[in-house]
Amino acid sequence: MRTYIFIERERKIIQSFVDGKIPLTNRELTKIRTTIREPKLFVDVKLLFTLRDQVEASMAEMPPRKRGLE
C-alpha cells in the first residue's frame, strides 16, 4: 500500500488552485482532475477514512496497557 495519493509536485499544483493562484483550466491541474475521476480511488479514500475512524474508536475503548501506552 502506498503512503500517499499525490506526489509533491501534484500537491503544489492542487494547493495553487485552492489558493486561487492557477485556474481550473491549468494544463497540469487538468491532468490531475482526469486521474481523480477513477471511481476506485473514491472508494479507497472512503474506505481509508472509515478504517481510520474505526481503529480510533476501537483504540479509545481499550485500556491504555492494551493500546501500548503504558
N, C-alpha and C. Protein backbone atom coordinates (compact mmCIF):
# COMPACT_ATOMS: atom_id res chain seq x y z
N MET A 1 0.84 -1.18 0.00
CA MET A 1 0.00 0.00 0.00
C MET A 1 0.89 1.25 0.00
N ARG A 2 0.53 2.21 -0.79
CA ARG A 2 1.27 3.46 -0.82
C ARG A 2 0.95 4.29 0.42
N THR A 3 1.82 5.21 0.73
CA THR A 3 1.58 6.09 1.87
C THR A 3 1.21 7.49 1.42
N TYR A 4 0.83 7.64 0.17
CA TYR A 4 0.46 8.94 -0.37
C TYR A 4 -0.51 8.74 -1.53
N ILE A 5 -1.22 9.81 -1.86
CA ILE A 5 -2.09 9.80 -3.04
C ILE A 5 -1.46 10.66 -4.13
N PHE A 6 -0.98 11.84 -3.74
CA PHE A 6 -0.38 12.76 -4.70
C PHE A 6 1.12 12.86 -4.46
N ILE A 7 1.87 13.03 -5.53
CA ILE A 7 3.29 13.31 -5.38
C ILE A 7 3.43 14.80 -5.03
N GLU A 8 4.60 15.19 -4.58
CA GLU A 8 4.82 16.56 -4.11
C GLU A 8 4.46 17.59 -5.18
N ARG A 9 4.84 17.35 -6.39
CA ARG A 9 4.54 18.28 -7.49
C ARG A 9 3.02 18.47 -7.66
N GLU A 10 2.29 17.37 -7.57
CA GLU A 10 0.82 17.45 -7.69
C GLU A 10 0.23 18.21 -6.51
N ARG A 11 0.77 17.98 -5.32
CA ARG A 11 0.28 18.71 -4.15
C ARG A 11 0.43 20.22 -4.34
N LYS A 12 1.57 20.63 -4.89
CA LYS A 12 1.82 22.05 -5.12
C LYS A 12 0.83 22.63 -6.12
N ILE A 13 0.55 21.88 -7.17
CA ILE A 13 -0.41 22.32 -8.18
C ILE A 13 -1.80 22.44 -7.56
N ILE A 14 -2.20 21.43 -6.82
CA ILE A 14 -3.52 21.45 -6.19
C ILE A 14 -3.62 22.61 -5.21
N GLN A 15 -2.58 22.81 -4.40
CA GLN A 15 -2.61 23.91 -3.43
C GLN A 15 -2.66 25.26 -4.14
N SER A 16 -1.97 25.37 -5.27
CA SER A 16 -2.02 26.62 -6.05
C SER A 16 -3.43 26.89 -6.54
N PHE A 17 -4.13 25.85 -6.96
CA PHE A 17 -5.52 26.02 -7.39
C PHE A 17 -6.40 26.42 -6.21
N VAL A 18 -6.25 25.72 -5.10
CA VAL A 18 -7.05 26.02 -3.90
C VAL A 18 -6.81 27.46 -3.44
N ASP A 19 -5.58 27.92 -3.56
CA ASP A 19 -5.22 29.29 -3.15
C ASP A 19 -5.60 30.34 -4.19
N GLY A 20 -6.16 29.91 -5.31
CA GLY A 20 -6.60 30.85 -6.34
C GLY A 20 -5.48 31.36 -7.23
N LYS A 21 -4.34 30.68 -7.22
CA LYS A 21 -3.19 31.12 -7.99
C LYS A 21 -3.17 30.60 -9.42
N ILE A 22 -3.87 29.51 -9.67
CA ILE A 22 -3.97 28.98 -11.03
C ILE A 22 -5.44 28.68 -11.33
N PRO A 23 -5.85 28.76 -12.60
CA PRO A 23 -7.25 28.49 -12.94
C PRO A 23 -7.53 26.99 -13.08
N LEU A 24 -8.79 26.67 -13.05
CA LEU A 24 -9.24 25.29 -13.23
C LEU A 24 -8.76 24.72 -14.56
N THR A 25 -8.55 25.57 -15.53
CA THR A 25 -8.14 25.13 -16.86
C THR A 25 -6.63 24.91 -17.00
N ASN A 26 -5.87 25.10 -15.93
CA ASN A 26 -4.43 24.86 -15.95
C ASN A 26 -4.17 23.45 -16.47
N ARG A 27 -3.23 23.32 -17.39
CA ARG A 27 -2.97 22.03 -18.04
C ARG A 27 -2.59 20.92 -17.04
N GLU A 28 -1.70 21.24 -16.11
CA GLU A 28 -1.26 20.24 -15.13
C GLU A 28 -2.41 19.85 -14.19
N LEU A 29 -3.21 20.83 -13.81
CA LEU A 29 -4.37 20.54 -12.96
C LEU A 29 -5.38 19.67 -13.71
N THR A 30 -5.53 19.91 -14.99
CA THR A 30 -6.44 19.10 -15.81
C THR A 30 -6.01 17.64 -15.82
N LYS A 31 -4.71 17.38 -15.88
CA LYS A 31 -4.21 16.00 -15.83
C LYS A 31 -4.58 15.34 -14.49
N ILE A 32 -4.43 16.10 -13.41
CA ILE A 32 -4.78 15.56 -12.09
C ILE A 32 -6.27 15.31 -12.01
N ARG A 33 -7.07 16.24 -12.52
CA ARG A 33 -8.53 16.07 -12.49
C ARG A 33 -8.97 14.83 -13.25
N THR A 34 -8.29 14.55 -14.35
CA THR A 34 -8.61 13.35 -15.13
C THR A 34 -8.33 12.09 -14.31
N THR A 35 -7.22 12.08 -13.60
CA THR A 35 -6.85 10.93 -12.78
C THR A 35 -7.83 10.70 -11.64
N ILE A 36 -8.27 11.77 -11.00
CA ILE A 36 -9.13 11.59 -9.82
C ILE A 36 -10.57 11.21 -10.17
N ARG A 37 -10.86 11.11 -11.43
CA ARG A 37 -12.20 10.64 -11.83
C ARG A 37 -12.34 9.12 -11.68
N GLU A 38 -11.23 8.46 -11.42
CA GLU A 38 -11.23 6.99 -11.27
C GLU A 38 -12.12 6.60 -10.09
N PRO A 39 -13.21 5.86 -10.33
CA PRO A 39 -14.14 5.50 -9.25
C PRO A 39 -13.50 4.72 -8.10
N LYS A 40 -12.54 3.85 -8.41
CA LYS A 40 -11.92 3.05 -7.35
C LYS A 40 -11.17 3.94 -6.36
N LEU A 41 -10.64 5.06 -6.84
CA LEU A 41 -9.93 5.98 -5.96
C LEU A 41 -10.86 6.51 -4.88
N PHE A 42 -12.07 6.92 -5.24
CA PHE A 42 -13.01 7.44 -4.27
C PHE A 42 -13.43 6.37 -3.27
N VAL A 43 -13.64 5.16 -3.75
CA VAL A 43 -14.00 4.05 -2.87
C VAL A 43 -12.87 3.79 -1.88
N ASP A 44 -11.64 3.78 -2.36
CA ASP A 44 -10.50 3.53 -1.48
C ASP A 44 -10.30 4.64 -0.45
N VAL A 45 -10.48 5.90 -0.86
CA VAL A 45 -10.33 7.01 0.08
C VAL A 45 -11.41 6.92 1.16
N LYS A 46 -12.63 6.64 0.77
CA LYS A 46 -13.71 6.48 1.74
C LYS A 46 -13.41 5.32 2.69
N LEU A 47 -12.94 4.21 2.16
CA LEU A 47 -12.59 3.06 2.98
C LEU A 47 -11.45 3.40 3.94
N LEU A 48 -10.47 4.16 3.48
CA LEU A 48 -9.36 4.57 4.34
C LEU A 48 -9.86 5.38 5.54
N PHE A 49 -10.73 6.35 5.30
CA PHE A 49 -11.26 7.16 6.40
C PHE A 49 -12.14 6.34 7.33
N THR A 50 -12.91 5.42 6.78
CA THR A 50 -13.73 4.54 7.60
C THR A 50 -12.85 3.68 8.50
N LEU A 51 -11.80 3.12 7.92
CA LEU A 51 -10.85 2.31 8.70
C LEU A 51 -10.22 3.14 9.81
N ARG A 52 -9.73 4.32 9.46
CA ARG A 52 -9.10 5.18 10.46
C ARG A 52 -10.05 5.49 11.61
N ASP A 53 -11.29 5.84 11.29
CA ASP A 53 -12.27 6.15 12.33
C ASP A 53 -12.56 4.95 13.20
N GLN A 54 -12.69 3.77 12.59
CA GLN A 54 -12.99 2.56 13.35
C GLN A 54 -11.82 2.16 14.25
N VAL A 55 -10.61 2.28 13.75
CA VAL A 55 -9.43 1.97 14.56
C VAL A 55 -9.35 2.93 15.75
N GLU A 56 -9.55 4.22 15.50
CA GLU A 56 -9.52 5.19 16.60
C GLU A 56 -10.59 4.91 17.64
N ALA A 57 -11.79 4.56 17.19
CA ALA A 57 -12.88 4.24 18.12
C ALA A 57 -12.55 2.99 18.92
N SER A 58 -12.02 1.99 18.27
CA SER A 58 -11.66 0.74 18.96
C SER A 58 -10.53 0.97 19.96
N MET A 59 -9.55 1.77 19.58
CA MET A 59 -8.43 2.06 20.48
C MET A 59 -8.90 2.84 21.70
N ALA A 60 -9.87 3.73 21.51
CA ALA A 60 -10.37 4.53 22.63
C ALA A 60 -11.07 3.65 23.66
N GLU A 61 -11.62 2.53 23.23
CA GLU A 61 -12.33 1.62 24.13
C GLU A 61 -11.39 0.68 24.87
N MET A 62 -10.16 0.56 24.39
CA MET A 62 -9.19 -0.35 25.01
C MET A 62 -8.50 0.31 26.20
N PRO A 63 -8.16 -0.49 27.22
CA PRO A 63 -7.38 0.07 28.31
C PRO A 63 -6.00 0.52 27.79
N PRO A 64 -5.37 1.55 28.40
CA PRO A 64 -4.08 2.05 27.92
C PRO A 64 -3.02 0.97 27.76
N ARG A 65 -3.02 -0.01 28.64
CA ARG A 65 -1.99 -1.05 28.56
C ARG A 65 -2.09 -1.85 27.26
N LYS A 66 -3.32 -2.16 26.84
CA LYS A 66 -3.51 -2.94 25.62
C LYS A 66 -3.21 -2.11 24.37
N ARG A 67 -3.31 -0.79 24.48
CA ARG A 67 -3.01 0.10 23.35
C ARG A 67 -1.52 0.33 23.23
N GLY A 68 -0.75 -0.17 24.18
CA GLY A 68 0.70 0.05 24.15
C GLY A 68 1.09 1.39 24.69
N LEU A 69 0.22 2.00 25.52
CA LEU A 69 0.50 3.31 26.04
C LEU A 69 1.12 3.28 27.44
N GLU A 70 1.35 2.12 27.96
CA GLU A 70 1.96 2.02 29.29
C GLU A 70 3.28 1.32 29.23
